[in-house]
């Protein structure tokens, strides 16, 4: 499942995160995540960190306190950036935030794609055989964690 519409979610504010009045976009995100067996987050890197829209989504998922929609589900993060390191700083920040928010971050599942602006200037990432192969490995490994978690 691909969740779109993160830009529609208002900035997190405890004053509007009240049962019965949670913004519809935030409620849809929480429902989608609650229904998933595992989560794969994709992030670009802007100024050495994650985009505000991703951090906002994580904040909404972390609540209500003690009942995070992430619910210790297996979580992996992959990313890309224009620079030579492929967004590793953003991925580290996302892993940290997701772990604090209640996800079970699978630290050994990683994929960094450097030079994204030039690499994908003439080809879609899905048509890049190296990226597609590495992403398939990520999905297979995350699925094995999800399968183990649901079997437990």
N, C-alpha and C. Protein backbone atom coordinates (compact mmCIF):
# COMPACT_ATOMS: atom_id res chain seq x y z
N UNK A 1 0.84 -1.16 0.00
CA UNK A 1 0.00 0.00 0.00
C UNK A 1 0.89 1.24 0.00
N UNK A 2 0.57 2.19 -0.80
CA UNK A 2 1.28 3.45 -0.86
C UNK A 2 0.36 4.52 -0.30
N UNK A 3 0.83 5.22 0.71
CA UNK A 3 -0.01 6.27 1.31
C UNK A 3 0.41 7.61 0.73
N UNK A 4 -0.53 8.28 0.12
CA UNK A 4 -0.28 9.61 -0.42
C UNK A 4 -1.09 10.62 0.38
N UNK A 5 -0.74 11.87 0.25
CA UNK A 5 -1.50 12.91 0.92
C UNK A 5 -0.91 13.41 2.21
N UNK A 6 0.39 13.17 2.44
CA UNK A 6 0.99 13.67 3.68
C UNK A 6 0.92 15.19 3.75
N UNK A 7 0.95 15.84 2.59
CA UNK A 7 0.88 17.30 2.56
C UNK A 7 -0.46 17.85 3.01
N UNK A 8 -1.47 17.01 3.08
CA UNK A 8 -2.81 17.44 3.51
C UNK A 8 -2.97 17.43 5.03
N UNK A 9 -2.02 16.81 5.72
CA UNK A 9 -2.12 16.68 7.18
C UNK A 9 -1.63 17.97 7.83
N UNK A 10 -2.43 18.57 8.71
CA UNK A 10 -1.98 19.81 9.37
C UNK A 10 -0.80 19.52 10.31
N UNK A 11 -0.02 20.56 10.60
CA UNK A 11 1.08 20.38 11.54
C UNK A 11 0.52 19.84 12.86
N UNK A 12 1.29 18.91 13.46
CA UNK A 12 0.81 18.29 14.68
C UNK A 12 0.64 19.34 15.77
N UNK A 13 -0.48 19.23 16.49
CA UNK A 13 -0.81 20.12 17.59
C UNK A 13 -1.73 19.33 18.51
N UNK A 14 -1.32 19.16 19.75
CA UNK A 14 -2.14 18.40 20.70
C UNK A 14 -3.54 18.97 20.86
N UNK A 15 -3.69 20.26 20.64
CA UNK A 15 -5.00 20.89 20.81
C UNK A 15 -6.02 20.40 19.78
N UNK A 16 -5.55 19.95 18.61
CA UNK A 16 -6.50 19.45 17.60
C UNK A 16 -6.50 17.92 17.52
N UNK A 17 -5.63 17.29 18.32
CA UNK A 17 -5.57 15.82 18.35
C UNK A 17 -6.44 15.32 19.50
N UNK A 18 -7.73 15.51 19.33
CA UNK A 18 -8.71 15.14 20.35
C UNK A 18 -9.67 14.15 19.72
N UNK A 19 -9.95 13.07 20.46
CA UNK A 19 -10.85 12.04 19.93
C UNK A 19 -12.13 12.67 19.41
N UNK A 20 -12.47 12.30 18.19
CA UNK A 20 -13.67 12.83 17.56
C UNK A 20 -13.43 14.07 16.72
N UNK A 21 -12.25 14.70 16.88
CA UNK A 21 -11.96 15.89 16.09
C UNK A 21 -10.61 15.82 15.37
N UNK A 22 -10.03 14.63 15.31
CA UNK A 22 -8.75 14.46 14.62
C UNK A 22 -8.97 14.79 13.14
N UNK A 23 -8.11 15.61 12.55
CA UNK A 23 -8.26 15.93 11.13
C UNK A 23 -8.35 14.66 10.28
N UNK A 24 -9.20 14.68 9.28
CA UNK A 24 -9.47 13.48 8.47
C UNK A 24 -8.21 12.91 7.84
N UNK A 25 -7.31 13.75 7.35
CA UNK A 25 -6.09 13.25 6.71
C UNK A 25 -5.21 12.53 7.72
N UNK A 26 -5.13 13.04 8.94
CA UNK A 26 -4.35 12.38 9.99
C UNK A 26 -5.00 11.07 10.40
N UNK A 27 -6.31 11.05 10.49
CA UNK A 27 -7.03 9.81 10.84
C UNK A 27 -6.82 8.75 9.77
N UNK A 28 -6.85 9.15 8.50
CA UNK A 28 -6.61 8.18 7.41
C UNK A 28 -5.20 7.59 7.50
N UNK A 29 -4.22 8.43 7.79
CA UNK A 29 -2.85 7.95 7.94
C UNK A 29 -2.76 6.95 9.09
N UNK A 30 -3.31 7.28 10.22
CA UNK A 30 -3.28 6.38 11.37
C UNK A 30 -3.96 5.05 11.05
N UNK A 31 -5.09 5.10 10.38
CA UNK A 31 -5.82 3.87 10.03
C UNK A 31 -5.00 3.01 9.07
N UNK A 32 -4.38 3.64 8.08
CA UNK A 32 -3.58 2.89 7.11
C UNK A 32 -2.40 2.21 7.79
N UNK A 33 -1.73 2.93 8.67
CA UNK A 33 -0.57 2.37 9.37
C UNK A 33 -1.01 1.29 10.35
N UNK A 34 -2.09 1.50 11.05
CA UNK A 34 -2.59 0.49 11.99
C UNK A 34 -2.93 -0.82 11.28
N UNK A 35 -3.35 -0.74 10.02
CA UNK A 35 -3.71 -1.94 9.27
C UNK A 35 -2.56 -2.62 8.56
N UNK A 36 -1.37 -2.05 8.65
CA UNK A 36 -0.21 -2.62 7.96
C UNK A 36 0.53 -3.61 8.87
N UNK A 37 1.20 -4.58 8.24
CA UNK A 37 2.03 -5.53 9.00
C UNK A 37 3.44 -5.00 9.20
N UNK A 38 3.89 -4.15 8.29
CA UNK A 38 5.22 -3.55 8.35
C UNK A 38 5.17 -2.26 7.55
N UNK A 39 6.19 -1.42 7.73
CA UNK A 39 6.20 -0.12 7.07
C UNK A 39 7.56 0.17 6.45
N UNK A 40 7.54 0.64 5.22
CA UNK A 40 8.76 1.05 4.53
C UNK A 40 8.62 2.54 4.22
N UNK A 41 9.47 3.33 4.82
CA UNK A 41 9.45 4.78 4.61
C UNK A 41 10.54 5.16 3.62
N UNK A 42 10.17 6.04 2.70
CA UNK A 42 11.11 6.60 1.74
C UNK A 42 11.31 8.07 2.09
N UNK A 43 12.56 8.51 2.10
CA UNK A 43 12.80 9.92 2.40
C UNK A 43 13.89 10.51 1.53
N UNK A 44 13.65 11.71 1.05
CA UNK A 44 14.75 12.47 0.47
C UNK A 44 15.50 13.13 1.63
N UNK A 45 16.61 13.74 1.32
CA UNK A 45 17.34 14.48 2.35
C UNK A 45 17.39 15.94 1.94
N UNK A 46 16.87 16.79 2.81
CA UNK A 46 16.90 18.24 2.59
C UNK A 46 17.72 18.86 3.70
N UNK A 47 18.79 19.54 3.35
CA UNK A 47 19.63 20.23 4.34
C UNK A 47 20.08 19.29 5.46
N UNK A 48 20.38 18.06 5.10
CA UNK A 48 20.92 17.10 6.05
C UNK A 48 19.91 16.42 6.94
N UNK A 49 18.64 16.55 6.66
CA UNK A 49 17.64 15.93 7.53
C UNK A 49 16.39 15.55 6.72
N UNK A 50 15.38 15.06 7.43
CA UNK A 50 14.14 14.65 6.76
C UNK A 50 13.26 15.87 6.46
N UNK A 51 12.41 15.75 5.45
CA UNK A 51 11.49 16.84 5.17
C UNK A 51 10.47 17.01 6.31
N UNK A 52 10.02 18.23 6.49
CA UNK A 52 9.06 18.53 7.56
C UNK A 52 7.79 17.71 7.43
N UNK A 53 7.36 17.44 6.21
CA UNK A 53 6.11 16.69 6.02
C UNK A 53 6.24 15.26 6.56
N UNK A 54 7.42 14.65 6.45
CA UNK A 54 7.62 13.31 6.99
C UNK A 54 7.67 13.35 8.51
N UNK A 55 8.38 14.32 9.07
CA UNK A 55 8.44 14.44 10.53
C UNK A 55 7.05 14.67 11.10
N UNK A 56 6.25 15.49 10.41
CA UNK A 56 4.88 15.74 10.86
C UNK A 56 4.06 14.45 10.86
N UNK A 57 4.20 13.65 9.82
CA UNK A 57 3.47 12.37 9.76
C UNK A 57 3.88 11.47 10.91
N UNK A 58 5.17 11.42 11.19
CA UNK A 58 5.66 10.60 12.31
C UNK A 58 5.08 11.11 13.63
N UNK A 59 5.03 12.43 13.79
CA UNK A 59 4.44 12.99 15.01
C UNK A 59 2.98 12.57 15.17
N UNK A 60 2.20 12.63 14.09
CA UNK A 60 0.81 12.20 14.17
C UNK A 60 0.71 10.70 14.48
N UNK A 61 1.63 9.91 13.94
CA UNK A 61 1.59 8.46 14.19
C UNK A 61 2.00 8.11 15.62
N UNK A 62 2.74 8.98 16.27
CA UNK A 62 3.23 8.70 17.62
C UNK A 62 2.14 8.83 18.69
N UNK A 63 1.04 9.38 18.33
CA UNK A 63 -0.04 9.66 19.28
C UNK A 63 -1.27 8.84 18.95
N UNK A 64 -2.19 8.64 19.86
CA UNK A 64 -2.14 9.12 21.23
C UNK A 64 -1.04 8.41 22.03
N UNK A 65 -0.55 9.11 23.02
CA UNK A 65 0.54 8.60 23.83
C UNK A 65 0.20 7.21 24.35
N UNK A 66 1.13 6.29 24.15
CA UNK A 66 0.94 4.92 24.61
C UNK A 66 0.15 4.04 23.66
N UNK A 67 -0.37 4.62 22.59
CA UNK A 67 -1.18 3.85 21.63
C UNK A 67 -0.80 4.23 20.19
N UNK A 68 0.48 4.35 19.95
CA UNK A 68 0.98 4.72 18.63
C UNK A 68 0.47 3.77 17.56
N UNK A 69 0.08 4.33 16.42
CA UNK A 69 -0.34 3.49 15.29
C UNK A 69 0.80 2.61 14.81
N UNK A 70 2.03 3.01 15.12
CA UNK A 70 3.19 2.21 14.71
C UNK A 70 3.26 0.90 15.48
N UNK A 71 2.79 0.90 16.71
CA UNK A 71 2.60 -0.30 17.52
C UNK A 71 3.68 -1.37 17.43
N UNK A 72 4.94 -0.98 17.46
CA UNK A 72 6.06 -1.93 17.38
C UNK A 72 6.05 -2.75 16.08
N UNK A 73 5.48 -2.21 15.04
CA UNK A 73 5.52 -2.87 13.73
C UNK A 73 6.93 -2.73 13.16
N UNK A 74 7.40 -3.72 12.40
CA UNK A 74 8.71 -3.59 11.76
C UNK A 74 8.71 -2.40 10.80
N UNK A 75 9.75 -1.59 10.90
CA UNK A 75 9.88 -0.37 10.10
C UNK A 75 11.28 -0.33 9.48
N UNK A 76 11.33 0.01 8.20
CA UNK A 76 12.62 0.24 7.53
C UNK A 76 12.55 1.57 6.81
N UNK A 77 13.72 2.16 6.59
CA UNK A 77 13.81 3.46 5.93
C UNK A 77 14.83 3.38 4.81
N UNK A 78 14.45 3.89 3.65
CA UNK A 78 15.38 4.03 2.53
C UNK A 78 15.33 5.48 2.07
N UNK A 79 16.37 5.90 1.38
CA UNK A 79 16.36 7.29 0.96
C UNK A 79 17.34 7.60 -0.13
N UNK A 80 17.28 8.85 -0.53
CA UNK A 80 18.11 9.33 -1.61
C UNK A 80 18.42 10.80 -1.40
N UNK A 81 19.48 11.23 -2.05
CA UNK A 81 19.85 12.64 -2.00
C UNK A 81 20.73 12.95 -3.19
N UNK A 82 20.86 14.21 -3.47
CA UNK A 82 21.70 14.66 -4.57
C UNK A 82 23.17 14.32 -4.31
N UNK A 83 23.59 14.39 -3.06
CA UNK A 83 25.00 14.21 -2.71
C UNK A 83 25.47 12.77 -2.78
N UNK A 84 26.73 12.60 -2.42
CA UNK A 84 27.40 11.31 -2.56
C UNK A 84 27.01 10.28 -1.51
N UNK A 85 26.33 10.69 -0.45
CA UNK A 85 26.02 9.74 0.62
C UNK A 85 24.60 9.18 0.54
N UNK A 86 23.81 9.65 -0.36
CA UNK A 86 22.50 9.05 -0.60
C UNK A 86 21.48 9.25 0.49
N UNK A 87 21.60 10.34 1.24
CA UNK A 87 20.58 10.62 2.24
C UNK A 87 20.73 9.89 3.55
N UNK A 88 21.94 9.45 3.89
CA UNK A 88 22.10 8.68 5.13
C UNK A 88 21.74 9.48 6.37
N UNK A 89 21.99 10.78 6.37
CA UNK A 89 21.63 11.58 7.55
C UNK A 89 20.12 11.59 7.73
N UNK A 90 19.40 11.80 6.65
CA UNK A 90 17.93 11.81 6.73
C UNK A 90 17.41 10.45 7.18
N UNK A 91 18.01 9.39 6.67
CA UNK A 91 17.57 8.05 7.07
C UNK A 91 17.82 7.83 8.55
N UNK A 92 18.97 8.26 9.04
CA UNK A 92 19.25 8.12 10.47
C UNK A 92 18.24 8.90 11.31
N UNK A 93 17.92 10.12 10.88
CA UNK A 93 16.93 10.93 11.59
C UNK A 93 15.55 10.27 11.58
N UNK A 94 15.17 9.73 10.42
CA UNK A 94 13.86 9.07 10.32
C UNK A 94 13.82 7.83 11.21
N UNK A 95 14.88 7.04 11.21
CA UNK A 95 14.92 5.84 12.07
C UNK A 95 14.78 6.23 13.54
N UNK A 96 15.52 7.26 13.92
CA UNK A 96 15.46 7.72 15.32
C UNK A 96 14.03 8.13 15.68
N UNK A 97 13.42 8.99 14.86
CA UNK A 97 12.07 9.47 15.15
C UNK A 97 11.05 8.33 15.15
N UNK A 98 11.17 7.42 14.19
CA UNK A 98 10.22 6.30 14.11
C UNK A 98 10.35 5.37 15.31
N UNK A 99 11.57 5.14 15.78
CA UNK A 99 11.77 4.31 16.96
C UNK A 99 11.17 4.93 18.20
N UNK A 100 11.41 6.22 18.38
CA UNK A 100 10.85 6.93 19.53
C UNK A 100 9.32 6.95 19.45
N UNK A 101 8.79 7.03 18.23
CA UNK A 101 7.34 7.10 18.02
C UNK A 101 6.64 5.76 18.19
N UNK A 102 7.40 4.67 18.34
CA UNK A 102 6.76 3.38 18.61
C UNK A 102 7.00 2.30 17.59
N UNK A 103 7.74 2.59 16.52
CA UNK A 103 8.03 1.56 15.54
C UNK A 103 9.19 0.68 15.97
N UNK A 104 9.25 -0.52 15.45
CA UNK A 104 10.38 -1.42 15.69
C UNK A 104 11.31 -1.28 14.48
N UNK A 105 12.27 -0.40 14.58
CA UNK A 105 13.15 -0.08 13.47
C UNK A 105 14.11 -1.24 13.21
N UNK A 106 14.12 -1.72 11.98
CA UNK A 106 15.03 -2.79 11.58
C UNK A 106 16.29 -2.11 11.05
N UNK A 107 17.28 -1.99 11.90
CA UNK A 107 18.47 -1.20 11.61
C UNK A 107 19.32 -1.75 10.47
N UNK A 108 19.27 -3.06 10.25
CA UNK A 108 20.15 -3.62 9.22
C UNK A 108 19.53 -3.62 7.82
N UNK A 109 18.34 -3.08 7.67
CA UNK A 109 17.74 -2.92 6.35
C UNK A 109 17.96 -1.47 5.93
N UNK A 110 18.85 -1.29 4.95
CA UNK A 110 19.21 0.06 4.52
C UNK A 110 19.37 0.10 3.01
N UNK A 111 19.04 1.24 2.45
CA UNK A 111 19.28 1.49 1.03
C UNK A 111 19.45 2.99 0.85
N UNK A 112 20.62 3.38 0.40
CA UNK A 112 20.93 4.78 0.12
C UNK A 112 21.22 4.90 -1.37
N UNK A 113 20.61 5.89 -1.99
CA UNK A 113 20.80 6.10 -3.42
C UNK A 113 21.39 7.50 -3.61
N UNK A 114 22.70 7.58 -3.84
CA UNK A 114 23.33 8.89 -4.03
C UNK A 114 23.11 9.43 -5.45
N UNK A 115 23.31 10.73 -5.57
CA UNK A 115 23.26 11.36 -6.89
C UNK A 115 21.93 11.26 -7.59
N UNK A 116 20.85 11.32 -6.84
CA UNK A 116 19.53 11.06 -7.41
C UNK A 116 19.15 12.04 -8.52
N UNK A 117 19.52 13.28 -8.39
CA UNK A 117 19.10 14.27 -9.40
C UNK A 117 19.69 13.96 -10.77
N UNK A 118 20.92 13.51 -10.80
CA UNK A 118 21.53 13.17 -12.09
C UNK A 118 21.21 11.74 -12.49
N UNK A 119 21.19 10.86 -11.51
CA UNK A 119 20.93 9.45 -11.81
C UNK A 119 19.56 9.24 -12.44
N UNK A 120 18.57 9.95 -11.94
CA UNK A 120 17.20 9.75 -12.42
C UNK A 120 16.73 10.85 -13.37
N UNK A 121 17.66 11.62 -13.90
CA UNK A 121 17.30 12.69 -14.84
C UNK A 121 16.68 12.12 -16.11
N UNK A 122 17.17 10.96 -16.56
CA UNK A 122 16.67 10.40 -17.80
C UNK A 122 16.01 9.04 -17.66
N UNK A 123 15.89 8.57 -16.43
CA UNK A 123 15.31 7.23 -16.21
C UNK A 123 14.50 7.24 -14.92
N UNK A 124 13.38 6.57 -14.93
CA UNK A 124 12.57 6.44 -13.72
C UNK A 124 13.27 5.43 -12.80
N UNK A 125 13.25 5.66 -11.48
CA UNK A 125 13.90 4.71 -10.57
C UNK A 125 13.46 3.26 -10.77
N UNK A 126 12.20 3.03 -11.13
CA UNK A 126 11.72 1.66 -11.35
C UNK A 126 12.40 1.00 -12.55
N UNK A 127 12.91 1.81 -13.46
CA UNK A 127 13.58 1.29 -14.65
C UNK A 127 15.09 1.15 -14.47
N UNK A 128 15.59 1.52 -13.31
CA UNK A 128 17.01 1.39 -12.99
C UNK A 128 17.20 0.01 -12.35
N UNK A 129 17.80 -0.91 -13.07
CA UNK A 129 17.87 -2.31 -12.61
C UNK A 129 18.60 -2.46 -11.28
N UNK A 130 19.64 -1.67 -11.05
CA UNK A 130 20.35 -1.77 -9.78
C UNK A 130 19.45 -1.33 -8.62
N UNK A 131 18.80 -0.20 -8.78
CA UNK A 131 17.91 0.31 -7.72
C UNK A 131 16.74 -0.65 -7.52
N UNK A 132 16.14 -1.10 -8.60
CA UNK A 132 15.00 -2.02 -8.49
C UNK A 132 15.41 -3.31 -7.78
N UNK A 133 16.57 -3.83 -8.09
CA UNK A 133 17.05 -5.05 -7.45
C UNK A 133 17.31 -4.86 -5.97
N UNK A 134 17.96 -3.75 -5.62
CA UNK A 134 18.25 -3.48 -4.21
C UNK A 134 16.97 -3.20 -3.43
N UNK A 135 16.02 -2.51 -4.05
CA UNK A 135 14.76 -2.24 -3.38
C UNK A 135 13.96 -3.53 -3.17
N UNK A 136 14.02 -4.42 -4.13
CA UNK A 136 13.36 -5.73 -3.98
C UNK A 136 13.93 -6.47 -2.78
N UNK A 137 15.25 -6.42 -2.61
CA UNK A 137 15.89 -7.06 -1.45
C UNK A 137 15.37 -6.45 -0.15
N UNK A 138 15.25 -5.13 -0.12
CA UNK A 138 14.74 -4.45 1.07
C UNK A 138 13.33 -4.94 1.40
N UNK A 139 12.48 -5.00 0.39
CA UNK A 139 11.09 -5.42 0.60
C UNK A 139 11.02 -6.87 1.08
N UNK A 140 11.81 -7.74 0.49
CA UNK A 140 11.83 -9.15 0.89
C UNK A 140 12.28 -9.28 2.35
N UNK A 141 13.32 -8.56 2.71
CA UNK A 141 13.83 -8.65 4.09
C UNK A 141 12.83 -8.07 5.09
N UNK A 142 12.20 -6.94 4.73
CA UNK A 142 11.20 -6.36 5.62
C UNK A 142 10.00 -7.29 5.75
N UNK A 143 9.61 -7.92 4.67
CA UNK A 143 8.50 -8.88 4.71
C UNK A 143 8.82 -10.04 5.64
N UNK A 144 10.05 -10.50 5.66
CA UNK A 144 10.40 -11.60 6.56
C UNK A 144 10.26 -11.17 8.02
N UNK A 145 10.60 -9.93 8.31
CA UNK A 145 10.40 -9.42 9.68
C UNK A 145 8.92 -9.31 10.00
N UNK A 146 8.12 -8.87 9.03
CA UNK A 146 6.68 -8.75 9.25
C UNK A 146 6.05 -10.12 9.47
N UNK A 147 6.47 -11.09 8.67
CA UNK A 147 5.95 -12.45 8.81
C UNK A 147 6.29 -13.03 10.17
N UNK A 148 7.53 -12.81 10.62
CA UNK A 148 7.94 -13.30 11.93
C UNK A 148 7.15 -12.60 13.04
N UNK A 149 6.89 -11.31 12.88
CA UNK A 149 6.16 -10.56 13.91
C UNK A 149 4.71 -11.01 14.00
N UNK A 150 4.07 -11.29 12.87
CA UNK A 150 2.67 -11.71 12.91
C UNK A 150 2.54 -13.16 13.36
N UNK A 151 3.60 -13.96 13.18
CA UNK A 151 3.56 -15.36 13.61
C UNK A 151 3.77 -15.48 15.13
N UNK A 152 4.40 -14.46 15.71
CA UNK A 152 4.73 -14.51 17.15
C UNK A 152 3.52 -14.32 18.02
